[in-house]
Amino acid sequence: MALPAQDERTVPAVVLRELDRRPLEQSLTEVQALLDQHGHLIVVCSAAVDSGVEQRLHTVRSLLESDRIALFRPDLPPLGLAVLARQLRQLASCDLSPGVLASAGRLLTHYVHAGAVLNSVTRLDRVPVGLRTHAKSWVPGSQFGVVAHPAPQLVRIGPEATLNGPEFGTWMLVAKGQLQSDWVSATLAPSWNVLGLREAALPAESANWWGTGKLVEFCTYLPDLSVLYQLVTSVRQGVCHWCGIDVIGDRCVFCSATPPAYDGPVPAG
């Protein structure tokens, strides 16, 4: 899901629709046109989409023989992934190199808290669920608060129910599905001391990711471009030894190369 721009500087998103259903030639043409226009392409893909989409992305990248396409598929719920994609679109307006911008996705995931309120956890396989909790989900009217990232949490919603949240100032985005609940806005947001709350449409993959369409998905994030830019530029940058692009971290997001092993000098015999 492509969220609306956060500000006038936010770069528009390009949605690659139905990659696994359209003819391969159409996908190749579309991606090649994007590379010709922008030089590099960062593809953010949800882990909830069909495996055929990821296979098609790898096929396109291989056939184009391009090391200018970064495939990024973090294990974030769909709303959290949409927020992360928008943050990268915000940063794309800054003076960051393609490799640093693509690497920033891994860094910024640590600052995203994503979860949902569910009416049942019987089909939830993204967060550990105990047998007792499974049994409680059969009780009519039960609702559960779940955090999937950065650390799994699960509580049955009641007067004393709490979830651990971010220890820094954030905004919260809420997407309502087929569940009637104001617990997120009335209870969770105040307990997390969020600075503001906004609503968005529920991503198409959310029901599949959470195992039910009866949910309210939420995500906290850092909205300010200046803060995002400071976080990214404060991290030590390196150069990929294989393709020569600037990166953050040990693995190049474009060619997937890792630094060569170095055992130190060989002692004299």
Foldseek 3Di string as FASTA:
>chain_A
DADPALDPLQAGDDDDPPLLNDDLVVVLVVVVVVCVVPVAEEAEDEPLDDPSNVVSVVVSCVVVVDLRYFYHYDHDFPVQSNVLVRLLSNCVSDPDFSQLSNQLSVVQQQFKKKWKKALAQCQADLADDDPVRNVVSVPPPWIWTWINPPHTDIDTDDPPDADDDDPDEWEKEKEAFQADDPCCVPPHCVVNVYPYYYYDHDDPSNCSNRVHRHMMIMMIHHSDSVVSVCSSVVADWDAQPPPGGIHGDQAGSRPRDGDDDDDDDDDDD
